[in-house]
Amino acid sequence: MTTEDLKYPIGKFKMPSQITNADKKAYISSIANFPKHLQKEIATLKDTQIDTPYRLEGWTIRQLVNHCADSHMNALIRYKLALTEDTPTIKPYKEAKWAELADSIHIPITPALQMLEGIHERWEYLLKSLNDKDFKRTYLHPEHNKVFTLDETTALYAWHCNHHLAHITSLKKTNGWA
């Protein structure tokens, strides 16, 4: 496997040119089911395995799970901002630096898993409540200098869930932990 394959086990995200209602339903399902799929994949791992990087110079599973909690918490906030304000400018954060903080490296992953369970339950409920007009609401991401619709954001975060889940499943397979 190449470094690129390890970094992007399901490929880099490609924004669809069109997002159908069937696509949105599949994206929402990926987001909704992520916490239970994640739990299943890490349930039998020991701490030494959880502290194993998924690739050379990559995050450990512990950092990855904490990153998902941080990222998805920010995602839910972005949705709420887009739904309640006109094209708000979101606050980016330095995800790589967050992954180096003590709460991403040293504590058990249980709090992050609990956060993900709660965030995703609320996120799923919110997503299922949206109509087509709501999914066209937008926010500005200043790091990319781009306006994103909630349609696009839903596609991105469904990929994000599957992307990080694949980091774990690939590592387990490579190391014979599966």
Protein backbone atom coordinates (compact mmCIF):
# COMPACT_ATOMS: atom_id res chain seq x y z
CA MET A 1 0.00 0.00 0.00
CA THR A 2 1.22 3.48 -0.82
CA THR A 3 1.28 6.35 1.65
CA GLU A 4 -1.56 7.91 -0.34
CA ASP A 5 -3.63 4.70 0.03
CA LEU A 6 -3.02 4.70 3.78
CA LYS A 7 -3.89 8.40 4.03
CA TYR A 8 -7.03 8.10 1.88
CA PRO A 9 -8.20 4.46 2.11
CA ILE A 10 -11.51 5.24 0.37
CA GLY A 11 -10.03 7.91 -1.89
CA LYS A 12 -10.04 11.68 -1.57
CA PHE A 13 -13.40 13.38 -1.24
CA LYS A 14 -14.95 14.40 -4.55
CA MET A 15 -17.86 16.80 -4.40
CA PRO A 16 -20.75 15.35 -6.41
CA SER A 17 -21.96 17.58 -9.25
CA GLN A 18 -25.54 16.81 -8.24
CA ILE A 19 -26.95 15.50 -4.95
CA THR A 20 -30.24 13.63 -5.18
CA ASN A 21 -32.67 12.85 -2.39
CA ALA A 22 -31.46 9.23 -2.54
CA ASP A 23 -27.87 10.48 -2.10
CA LYS A 24 -28.91 12.57 0.92
CA LYS A 25 -30.66 9.59 2.45
CA ALA A 26 -27.49 7.49 2.06
CA TYR A 27 -25.33 10.30 3.49
CA ILE A 28 -27.63 10.68 6.49
CA SER A 29 -27.49 6.92 7.04
CA SER A 30 -23.66 6.98 7.02
CA ILE A 31 -23.64 9.83 9.53
CA ALA A 32 -26.31 8.21 11.73
CA ASN A 33 -24.60 4.81 11.82
CA PHE A 34 -21.04 6.01 12.30
CA PRO A 35 -20.93 5.78 16.13
CA LYS A 36 -22.13 2.16 16.21
CA HIS A 37 -19.78 1.14 13.38
CA LEU A 38 -16.90 2.85 15.19
CA GLN A 39 -17.80 1.14 18.48
CA LYS A 40 -17.88 -2.23 16.72
CA GLU A 41 -14.45 -1.73 15.17
CA ILE A 42 -12.70 -0.66 18.37
CA ALA A 43 -14.59 -2.78 20.91
CA THR A 44 -11.93 -5.49 21.20
CA LEU A 45 -8.83 -3.31 20.83
CA LYS A 46 -6.35 -3.02 23.67
CA ASP A 47 -4.83 0.33 24.70
CA THR A 48 -1.58 -0.50 22.89
CA GLN A 49 -3.58 -1.03 19.70
CA ILE A 50 -5.61 2.16 20.25
CA ASP A 51 -2.29 4.00 20.56
CA THR A 52 -1.07 2.67 17.21
CA PRO A 53 -0.92 5.15 14.30
CA TYR A 54 -2.92 4.14 11.25
CA ARG A 55 0.05 5.13 9.06
CA LEU A 56 3.60 6.45 9.42
CA GLU A 57 3.37 10.00 10.81
CA GLY A 58 -0.39 9.57 11.14
CA TRP A 59 -2.69 9.82 14.12
CA THR A 60 -3.27 6.99 16.54
CA ILE A 61 -6.72 5.45 16.76
CA ARG A 62 -7.13 7.37 20.05
CA GLN A 63 -6.37 10.66 18.28
CA LEU A 64 -8.58 9.69 15.36
CA VAL A 65 -11.60 8.98 17.58
CA ASN A 66 -11.05 12.25 19.47
CA HIS A 67 -10.65 14.08 16.16
CA CYS A 68 -14.01 12.73 14.99
CA ALA A 69 -15.66 13.99 18.19
CA ASP A 70 -14.06 17.42 17.69
CA SER A 71 -14.85 17.55 13.97
CA HIS A 72 -18.43 16.36 14.24
CA MET A 73 -19.14 18.71 17.14
CA ASN A 74 -17.99 21.56 14.90
CA ALA A 75 -20.06 20.18 12.02
CA LEU A 76 -23.27 20.22 14.03
CA ILE A 77 -22.55 23.82 15.02
CA ARG A 78 -21.97 24.73 11.36
CA TYR A 79 -25.36 23.28 10.42
CA LYS A 80 -27.07 25.23 13.18
CA LEU A 81 -25.33 28.44 12.14
CA ALA A 82 -26.30 27.92 8.48
CA LEU A 83 -29.90 27.18 9.45
CA THR A 84 -30.29 30.23 11.67
CA GLU A 85 -28.15 32.89 9.94
CA ASP A 86 -27.65 34.07 6.38
CA THR A 87 -24.40 32.58 5.06
CA PRO A 88 -22.48 32.90 8.33
CA THR A 89 -18.71 32.75 8.32
CA ILE A 90 -17.78 29.69 10.35
CA LYS A 91 -14.84 29.55 12.72
CA PRO A 92 -12.20 27.14 11.44
CA TYR A 93 -10.00 25.28 13.90
CA LYS A 94 -6.55 23.75 13.69
CA GLU A 95 -7.52 20.07 13.74
CA ALA A 96 -3.91 18.81 13.67
CA LYS A 97 -3.05 20.93 16.72
CA TRP A 98 -6.26 19.84 18.51
CA ALA A 99 -5.18 16.22 17.93
CA GLU A 100 -1.94 16.95 19.84
CA LEU A 101 -3.69 18.26 22.96
CA ALA A 102 -3.74 16.14 26.13
CA ASP A 103 -7.44 15.25 25.82
CA SER A 104 -6.75 13.73 22.39
CA ILE A 105 -3.65 11.77 23.38
CA HIS A 106 -3.91 10.61 26.99
CA ILE A 107 -7.44 9.99 28.22
CA PRO A 108 -9.52 6.91 27.45
CA ILE A 109 -11.63 7.19 24.30
CA THR A 110 -14.90 6.58 26.15
CA PRO A 111 -15.75 10.30 26.52
CA ALA A 112 -15.21 10.86 22.79
CA LEU A 113 -17.38 7.84 21.96
CA GLN A 114 -20.12 9.17 24.25
CA MET A 115 -19.87 12.57 22.58
CA LEU A 116 -20.12 11.00 19.13
CA GLU A 117 -23.17 9.00 20.14
CA GLY A 118 -24.99 12.10 21.38
CA ILE A 119 -23.82 14.40 18.57
CA HIS A 120 -24.81 11.91 15.89
CA GLU A 121 -28.21 11.25 17.42
CA ARG A 122 -28.97 14.97 17.39
CA TRP A 123 -27.36 15.44 13.96
CA GLU A 124 -29.42 12.62 12.44
CA TYR A 125 -32.62 14.08 13.89
CA LEU A 126 -31.74 17.53 12.56
CA LEU A 127 -30.82 16.20 9.10
CA LYS A 128 -34.04 14.21 8.81
CA SER A 129 -36.04 17.34 9.69
CA LEU A 130 -34.58 19.40 6.82
CA ASN A 131 -36.39 20.06 3.56
CA ASP A 132 -34.80 20.75 0.16
CA LYS A 133 -34.71 24.50 0.81
CA ASP A 134 -32.94 23.93 4.16
CA PHE A 135 -30.28 21.79 2.47
CA LYS A 136 -29.53 24.74 0.17
CA ARG A 137 -28.67 26.98 3.15
CA THR A 138 -25.03 28.01 3.22
CA TYR A 139 -22.04 29.02 5.29
CA LEU A 140 -18.70 30.53 4.33
CA HIS A 141 -15.55 28.60 5.17
CA PRO A 142 -12.82 31.27 5.32
CA GLU A 143 -9.90 28.83 5.03
CA HIS A 144 -11.22 27.67 1.66
CA ASN A 145 -12.77 31.04 0.79
CA LYS A 146 -15.78 29.03 -0.35
CA VAL A 147 -19.48 28.96 0.39
CA PHE A 148 -20.78 25.46 1.15
CA THR A 149 -24.40 24.31 1.02
CA LEU A 150 -25.67 21.91 3.65
CA ASP A 151 -26.17 19.41 0.79
CA GLU A 152 -22.43 19.54 0.12
CA THR A 153 -21.60 19.48 3.81
CA THR A 154 -23.69 16.35 4.30
CA ALA A 155 -21.86 14.61 1.47
CA LEU A 156 -18.51 15.70 2.94
CA TYR A 157 -19.25 14.46 6.45
CA ALA A 158 -20.64 11.14 5.25
CA TRP A 159 -17.31 10.69 3.45
CA HIS A 160 -15.47 11.86 6.60
CA CYS A 161 -17.16 9.17 8.69
CA ASN A 162 -16.35 6.43 6.18
CA HIS A 163 -12.83 7.77 5.61
CA HIS A 164 -11.84 7.56 9.29
CA LEU A 165 -13.64 4.25 9.79
CA ALA A 166 -11.56 2.88 6.91
CA HIS A 167 -8.37 4.07 8.63
CA ILE A 168 -9.24 1.81 11.54
CA THR A 169 -10.43 -1.18 9.52
CA SER A 170 -7.35 -0.98 7.26
CA LEU A 171 -5.01 -0.85 10.27
CA LYS A 172 -6.79 -3.81 11.87
CA LYS A 173 -6.53 -5.82 8.66
CA THR A 174 -2.86 -4.92 8.09
CA ASN A 175 -1.93 -5.88 11.65
CA GLY A 176 -4.09 -9.00 11.77
CA TRP A 177 -6.39 -7.57 14.44
CA ALA A 178 -9.60 -8.13 12.50
